[in-house]
Amino acid sequence: MVRDLTEAGRNVRTVSDAVALIRTGDVTAVRLARRAGRILGHAIADSVSLLNPSVVVVGGQLAEIEEQLFAGIREMVYRRSLPLATRKLTIVATTLGPRSGLVGMALLLADSIFAPPRVETLIARQ
């Protein structure tokens, strides 16, 4: 988005700049945010059809522009996913803000460290 906005003549250097521009209602920025949402929605739709989750949580800086980004995500998810998988599906922004990636990584690490086979091995050594 930053590259495309720069090419469109907007003074954007970071994702934060792009988010600020989208919040002002810039037509080009909003169009690109919806396009980004559709691209993400395409990938999410495959996951929804495969895993059938009840909630999809979107994080990152672009999740701050829920209205524009999520419109594209929902458009693709509901178009491409099986109706049974989307009947009770909720798509939301993370409540962890910029910490979401760090918290996710910590949880994955904890799951790995405290996996039952690993804990059993440690107990057996005692």
N, C-alpha and C. Protein backbone atom coordinates (compact mmCIF):
# COMPACT_ATOMS: atom_id res chain seq x y z
N MET A 1 0.81 -1.18 0.00
CA MET A 1 0.00 0.00 0.00
C MET A 1 0.86 1.25 0.00
N VAL A 2 1.92 1.23 0.77
CA VAL A 2 2.80 2.40 0.83
C VAL A 2 3.37 2.68 -0.55
N ARG A 3 3.82 1.64 -1.23
CA ARG A 3 4.38 1.82 -2.57
C ARG A 3 3.32 2.37 -3.52
N ASP A 4 2.14 1.79 -3.50
CA ASP A 4 1.08 2.22 -4.41
C ASP A 4 0.62 3.64 -4.11
N LEU A 5 0.54 4.00 -2.85
CA LEU A 5 0.15 5.36 -2.50
C LEU A 5 1.22 6.37 -2.90
N THR A 6 2.48 5.99 -2.75
CA THR A 6 3.57 6.86 -3.17
C THR A 6 3.52 7.06 -4.68
N GLU A 7 3.30 5.98 -5.42
CA GLU A 7 3.20 6.08 -6.87
C GLU A 7 2.00 6.92 -7.31
N ALA A 8 0.97 6.97 -6.46
CA ALA A 8 -0.21 7.77 -6.76
C ALA A 8 -0.03 9.23 -6.35
N GLY A 9 1.18 9.57 -5.89
CA GLY A 9 1.48 10.96 -5.56
C GLY A 9 1.21 11.36 -4.13
N ARG A 10 0.93 10.39 -3.26
CA ARG A 10 0.69 10.71 -1.85
C ARG A 10 2.01 10.67 -1.10
N ASN A 11 2.13 11.52 -0.08
CA ASN A 11 3.35 11.57 0.72
C ASN A 11 3.24 10.55 1.86
N VAL A 12 3.56 9.31 1.53
CA VAL A 12 3.43 8.19 2.48
C VAL A 12 4.76 7.46 2.54
N ARG A 13 5.27 7.25 3.75
CA ARG A 13 6.54 6.55 3.91
C ARG A 13 6.41 5.27 4.73
N THR A 14 5.40 5.21 5.58
CA THR A 14 5.23 4.06 6.47
C THR A 14 3.77 3.59 6.45
N VAL A 15 3.54 2.43 7.04
CA VAL A 15 2.17 1.93 7.16
C VAL A 15 1.35 2.88 8.04
N SER A 16 1.97 3.45 9.05
CA SER A 16 1.26 4.41 9.91
C SER A 16 0.79 5.62 9.09
N ASP A 17 1.64 6.08 8.16
CA ASP A 17 1.23 7.18 7.27
C ASP A 17 0.04 6.77 6.42
N ALA A 18 0.07 5.54 5.92
CA ALA A 18 -1.04 5.04 5.09
C ALA A 18 -2.32 4.96 5.91
N VAL A 19 -2.23 4.46 7.13
CA VAL A 19 -3.40 4.37 8.01
C VAL A 19 -3.97 5.76 8.26
N ALA A 20 -3.11 6.72 8.53
CA ALA A 20 -3.57 8.10 8.76
C ALA A 20 -4.26 8.66 7.52
N LEU A 21 -3.72 8.38 6.36
CA LEU A 21 -4.32 8.86 5.11
C LEU A 21 -5.68 8.21 4.87
N ILE A 22 -5.78 6.93 5.17
CA ILE A 22 -7.06 6.23 5.02
C ILE A 22 -8.10 6.83 5.95
N ARG A 23 -7.70 7.16 7.16
CA ARG A 23 -8.63 7.75 8.13
C ARG A 23 -9.15 9.11 7.68
N THR A 24 -8.38 9.81 6.84
CA THR A 24 -8.85 11.11 6.34
C THR A 24 -9.89 10.94 5.25
N GLY A 25 -10.04 9.70 4.74
CA GLY A 25 -11.02 9.45 3.70
C GLY A 25 -10.48 9.60 2.29
N ASP A 26 -9.16 9.69 2.14
CA ASP A 26 -8.56 9.78 0.81
C ASP A 26 -9.07 8.63 -0.06
N VAL A 27 -9.65 8.96 -1.20
CA VAL A 27 -10.30 7.96 -2.05
C VAL A 27 -9.34 6.88 -2.50
N THR A 28 -8.15 7.27 -2.93
CA THR A 28 -7.17 6.28 -3.40
C THR A 28 -6.74 5.37 -2.25
N ALA A 29 -6.49 5.96 -1.09
CA ALA A 29 -6.06 5.17 0.07
C ALA A 29 -7.14 4.19 0.50
N VAL A 30 -8.39 4.64 0.51
CA VAL A 30 -9.50 3.76 0.89
C VAL A 30 -9.66 2.63 -0.12
N ARG A 31 -9.53 2.95 -1.40
CA ARG A 31 -9.63 1.92 -2.45
C ARG A 31 -8.54 0.87 -2.27
N LEU A 32 -7.32 1.31 -1.98
CA LEU A 32 -6.22 0.37 -1.77
C LEU A 32 -6.41 -0.45 -0.49
N ALA A 33 -6.98 0.14 0.54
CA ALA A 33 -7.25 -0.60 1.78
C ALA A 33 -8.27 -1.71 1.52
N ARG A 34 -9.29 -1.40 0.74
CA ARG A 34 -10.29 -2.43 0.42
C ARG A 34 -9.68 -3.52 -0.43
N ARG A 35 -8.79 -3.13 -1.36
CA ARG A 35 -8.11 -4.14 -2.18
C ARG A 35 -7.25 -5.03 -1.29
N ALA A 36 -6.53 -4.43 -0.35
CA ALA A 36 -5.73 -5.22 0.59
C ALA A 36 -6.62 -6.16 1.39
N GLY A 37 -7.79 -5.69 1.78
CA GLY A 37 -8.74 -6.53 2.50
C GLY A 37 -9.19 -7.72 1.67
N ARG A 38 -9.44 -7.49 0.37
CA ARG A 38 -9.86 -8.59 -0.50
C ARG A 38 -8.73 -9.61 -0.67
N ILE A 39 -7.50 -9.13 -0.75
CA ILE A 39 -6.36 -10.05 -0.86
C ILE A 39 -6.25 -10.90 0.40
N LEU A 40 -6.33 -10.26 1.56
CA LEU A 40 -6.30 -11.00 2.83
C LEU A 40 -7.50 -11.93 2.94
N GLY A 41 -8.66 -11.44 2.52
CA GLY A 41 -9.88 -12.24 2.58
C GLY A 41 -9.79 -13.50 1.75
N HIS A 42 -9.11 -13.42 0.63
CA HIS A 42 -8.93 -14.59 -0.23
C HIS A 42 -8.18 -15.69 0.53
N ALA A 43 -7.11 -15.32 1.21
CA ALA A 43 -6.33 -16.29 1.99
C ALA A 43 -7.12 -16.77 3.21
N ILE A 44 -7.80 -15.86 3.87
CA ILE A 44 -8.57 -16.23 5.05
C ILE A 44 -9.71 -17.17 4.67
N ALA A 45 -10.32 -16.95 3.51
CA ALA A 45 -11.43 -17.81 3.07
C ALA A 45 -11.00 -19.26 2.95
N ASP A 46 -9.81 -19.50 2.43
CA ASP A 46 -9.32 -20.87 2.33
C ASP A 46 -9.16 -21.49 3.71
N SER A 47 -8.63 -20.71 4.65
CA SER A 47 -8.46 -21.21 6.02
C SER A 47 -9.80 -21.48 6.69
N VAL A 48 -10.77 -20.60 6.45
CA VAL A 48 -12.10 -20.77 7.04
C VAL A 48 -12.76 -22.05 6.52
N SER A 49 -12.65 -22.28 5.22
CA SER A 49 -13.25 -23.49 4.65
C SER A 49 -12.57 -24.75 5.16
N LEU A 50 -11.27 -24.68 5.40
CA LEU A 50 -10.51 -25.84 5.85
C LEU A 50 -10.66 -26.09 7.35
N LEU A 51 -10.58 -25.04 8.15
CA LEU A 51 -10.53 -25.20 9.60
C LEU A 51 -11.86 -24.94 10.31
N ASN A 52 -12.79 -24.24 9.65
CA ASN A 52 -14.10 -23.94 10.21
C ASN A 52 -14.02 -23.28 11.59
N PRO A 53 -13.28 -22.16 11.72
CA PRO A 53 -13.20 -21.49 13.02
C PRO A 53 -14.48 -20.71 13.31
N SER A 54 -14.68 -20.38 14.56
CA SER A 54 -15.83 -19.54 14.90
C SER A 54 -15.44 -18.06 14.93
N VAL A 55 -14.13 -17.80 15.10
CA VAL A 55 -13.64 -16.42 15.15
C VAL A 55 -12.34 -16.33 14.36
N VAL A 56 -12.21 -15.26 13.58
CA VAL A 56 -10.96 -14.91 12.91
C VAL A 56 -10.54 -13.56 13.48
N VAL A 57 -9.33 -13.51 14.03
CA VAL A 57 -8.83 -12.27 14.63
C VAL A 57 -7.74 -11.73 13.71
N VAL A 58 -7.90 -10.47 13.32
CA VAL A 58 -6.94 -9.82 12.43
C VAL A 58 -6.14 -8.82 13.24
N GLY A 59 -4.81 -8.88 13.10
CA GLY A 59 -3.94 -7.97 13.82
C GLY A 59 -3.09 -7.16 12.88
N GLY A 60 -2.19 -6.39 13.43
CA GLY A 60 -1.31 -5.56 12.63
C GLY A 60 -1.84 -4.14 12.53
N GLN A 61 -1.03 -3.28 11.96
CA GLN A 61 -1.39 -1.87 11.87
C GLN A 61 -2.64 -1.64 11.02
N LEU A 62 -2.80 -2.41 9.97
CA LEU A 62 -3.96 -2.21 9.10
C LEU A 62 -5.27 -2.58 9.79
N ALA A 63 -5.20 -3.39 10.82
CA ALA A 63 -6.43 -3.74 11.55
C ALA A 63 -7.03 -2.53 12.25
N GLU A 64 -6.24 -1.45 12.37
CA GLU A 64 -6.74 -0.22 12.97
C GLU A 64 -7.79 0.46 12.09
N ILE A 65 -7.80 0.14 10.80
CA ILE A 65 -8.77 0.74 9.88
C ILE A 65 -9.83 -0.30 9.55
N GLU A 66 -10.47 -0.79 10.59
CA GLU A 66 -11.42 -1.90 10.47
C GLU A 66 -12.43 -1.72 9.35
N GLU A 67 -13.08 -0.58 9.31
CA GLU A 67 -14.17 -0.40 8.35
C GLU A 67 -13.72 -0.66 6.92
N GLN A 68 -12.62 -0.06 6.50
CA GLN A 68 -12.17 -0.20 5.13
C GLN A 68 -11.55 -1.57 4.86
N LEU A 69 -10.70 -2.03 5.73
CA LEU A 69 -10.02 -3.31 5.53
C LEU A 69 -10.98 -4.49 5.66
N PHE A 70 -11.81 -4.46 6.68
CA PHE A 70 -12.69 -5.59 6.95
C PHE A 70 -13.79 -5.73 5.91
N ALA A 71 -14.16 -4.64 5.26
CA ALA A 71 -15.15 -4.74 4.18
C ALA A 71 -14.64 -5.67 3.09
N GLY A 72 -13.37 -5.49 2.71
CA GLY A 72 -12.77 -6.35 1.69
C GLY A 72 -12.58 -7.78 2.18
N ILE A 73 -12.17 -7.93 3.43
CA ILE A 73 -11.98 -9.27 3.99
C ILE A 73 -13.31 -10.03 3.99
N ARG A 74 -14.33 -9.41 4.53
CA ARG A 74 -15.64 -10.07 4.61
C ARG A 74 -16.19 -10.39 3.22
N GLU A 75 -16.00 -9.47 2.29
CA GLU A 75 -16.48 -9.70 0.92
C GLU A 75 -15.93 -11.01 0.36
N MET A 76 -14.64 -11.21 0.49
CA MET A 76 -14.02 -12.42 -0.06
C MET A 76 -14.31 -13.66 0.77
N VAL A 77 -14.29 -13.53 2.09
CA VAL A 77 -14.54 -14.70 2.94
C VAL A 77 -15.94 -15.25 2.68
N TYR A 78 -16.94 -14.38 2.64
CA TYR A 78 -18.31 -14.86 2.46
C TYR A 78 -18.57 -15.29 1.01
N ARG A 79 -17.82 -14.76 0.08
CA ARG A 79 -17.99 -15.17 -1.32
C ARG A 79 -17.33 -16.52 -1.59
N ARG A 80 -16.16 -16.77 -0.98
CA ARG A 80 -15.37 -17.94 -1.33
C ARG A 80 -15.49 -19.11 -0.36
N SER A 81 -15.95 -18.87 0.85
CA SER A 81 -16.02 -19.95 1.85
C SER A 81 -17.35 -20.68 1.76
N LEU A 82 -17.35 -21.87 2.29
CA LEU A 82 -18.57 -22.66 2.34
C LEU A 82 -19.56 -22.02 3.31
N PRO A 83 -20.85 -21.97 2.94
CA PRO A 83 -21.84 -21.34 3.81
C PRO A 83 -21.89 -21.95 5.22
N LEU A 84 -21.68 -23.23 5.32
CA LEU A 84 -21.69 -23.87 6.62
C LEU A 84 -20.55 -23.33 7.50
N ALA A 85 -19.42 -23.02 6.89
CA ALA A 85 -18.27 -22.52 7.65
C ALA A 85 -18.44 -21.07 8.07
N THR A 86 -19.26 -20.30 7.36
CA THR A 86 -19.41 -18.88 7.68
C THR A 86 -20.68 -18.55 8.45
N ARG A 87 -21.52 -19.54 8.68
CA ARG A 87 -22.81 -19.29 9.33
C ARG A 87 -22.64 -18.57 10.67
N LYS A 88 -21.70 -19.01 11.48
CA LYS A 88 -21.51 -18.40 12.80
C LYS A 88 -20.12 -17.75 12.93
N LEU A 89 -19.53 -17.43 11.80
CA LEU A 89 -18.18 -16.85 11.79
C LEU A 89 -18.20 -15.38 12.19
N THR A 90 -17.25 -15.01 13.04
CA THR A 90 -17.06 -13.62 13.43
C THR A 90 -15.65 -13.21 13.02
N ILE A 91 -15.53 -12.05 12.40
CA ILE A 91 -14.22 -11.52 12.00
C ILE A 91 -14.02 -10.23 12.77
N VAL A 92 -12.98 -10.18 13.60
CA VAL A 92 -12.75 -9.04 14.48
C VAL A 92 -11.29 -8.61 14.45
N ALA A 93 -11.06 -7.39 14.91
CA ALA A 93 -9.69 -6.89 15.08
C ALA A 93 -9.18 -7.31 16.45
N THR A 94 -7.91 -7.51 16.55
CA THR A 94 -7.31 -7.87 17.83
C THR A 94 -7.51 -6.77 18.86
N THR A 95 -7.62 -7.16 20.10
CA THR A 95 -7.71 -6.17 21.18
C THR A 95 -6.34 -5.94 21.82
N LEU A 96 -5.33 -6.64 21.31
CA LEU A 96 -3.98 -6.52 21.88
C LEU A 96 -3.17 -5.40 21.23
N GLY A 97 -3.69 -4.81 20.19
CA GLY A 97 -2.99 -3.72 19.52
C GLY A 97 -1.64 -4.16 18.98
N PRO A 98 -0.62 -3.31 19.13
CA PRO A 98 0.69 -3.63 18.56
C PRO A 98 1.40 -4.81 19.24
N ARG A 99 0.88 -5.25 20.37
CA ARG A 99 1.49 -6.39 21.08
C ARG A 99 1.04 -7.74 20.55
N SER A 100 0.09 -7.77 19.62
CA SER A 100 -0.52 -9.04 19.21
C SER A 100 0.50 -10.03 18.66
N GLY A 101 1.44 -9.59 17.86
CA GLY A 101 2.45 -10.50 17.32
C GLY A 101 3.33 -11.08 18.42
N LEU A 102 3.73 -10.24 19.34
CA LEU A 102 4.58 -10.68 20.44
C LEU A 102 3.85 -11.67 21.35
N VAL A 103 2.59 -11.39 21.65
CA VAL A 103 1.80 -12.29 22.49
C VAL A 103 1.59 -13.63 21.77
N GLY A 104 1.30 -13.59 20.47
CA GLY A 104 1.13 -14.82 19.70
C GLY A 104 2.39 -15.66 19.71
N MET A 105 3.54 -15.00 19.51
CA MET A 105 4.81 -15.73 19.52
C MET A 105 5.06 -16.35 20.89
N ALA A 106 4.77 -15.62 21.95
CA ALA A 106 4.98 -16.14 23.31
C ALA A 106 4.10 -17.36 23.57
N LEU A 107 2.87 -17.31 23.09
CA LEU A 107 1.96 -18.46 23.27
C LEU A 107 2.44 -19.68 22.49
N LEU A 108 2.90 -19.46 21.26
CA LEU A 108 3.43 -20.58 20.48
C LEU A 108 4.65 -21.20 21.16
N LEU A 109 5.51 -20.35 21.68
CA LEU A 109 6.70 -20.82 22.39
C LEU A 109 6.31 -21.61 23.64
N ALA A 110 5.36 -21.09 24.40
CA ALA A 110 4.91 -21.79 25.61
C ALA A 110 4.29 -23.14 25.25
N ASP A 111 3.49 -23.19 24.17
CA ASP A 111 2.90 -24.45 23.74
C ASP A 111 3.98 -25.47 23.40
N SER A 112 5.05 -25.00 22.78
CA SER A 112 6.14 -25.90 22.40
C SER A 112 6.91 -26.38 23.63
N ILE A 113 7.24 -25.46 24.50
CA ILE A 113 8.03 -25.81 25.69
C ILE A 113 7.25 -26.75 26.62
N PHE A 114 5.97 -26.50 26.79
CA PHE A 114 5.17 -27.27 27.72
C PHE A 114 4.30 -28.33 27.05
N ALA A 115 4.68 -28.74 25.85
CA ALA A 115 3.95 -29.81 25.16
C ALA A 115 4.05 -31.09 26.00
N PRO A 116 2.97 -31.86 26.11
CA PRO A 116 2.98 -33.06 26.97
C PRO A 116 4.17 -34.00 26.76
N PRO A 117 4.57 -34.33 25.53
CA PRO A 117 5.72 -35.23 25.39
C PRO A 117 7.00 -34.63 25.98
N ARG A 118 7.18 -33.34 25.83
CA ARG A 118 8.38 -32.69 26.36
C ARG A 118 8.35 -32.68 27.88
N VAL A 119 7.21 -32.41 28.47
CA VAL A 119 7.09 -32.40 29.93
C VAL A 119 7.30 -33.81 30.48
N GLU A 120 6.73 -34.81 29.80
CA GLU A 120 6.91 -36.20 30.25
C GLU A 120 8.38 -36.60 30.21
N THR A 121 9.10 -36.16 29.18
CA THR A 121 10.53 -36.46 29.09
C THR A 121 11.28 -35.83 30.25
N LEU A 122 10.96 -34.58 30.58
CA LEU A 122 11.63 -33.90 31.69
C LEU A 122 11.33 -34.58 33.03
N ILE A 123 10.09 -35.02 33.20
CA ILE A 123 9.72 -35.71 34.44
C ILE A 123 10.44 -37.05 34.55
N ALA A 124 10.56 -37.76 33.43
CA ALA A 124 11.21 -39.06 33.43
C ALA A 124 12.69 -38.95 33.80
N ARG A 125 13.33 -37.82 33.52
CA ARG A 125 14.73 -37.62 33.85
C ARG A 125 14.96 -37.43 35.33
N GLN A 126 13.93 -37.01 36.06
CA GLN A 126 14.07 -36.71 37.48
C GLN A 126 14.24 -37.94 38.28
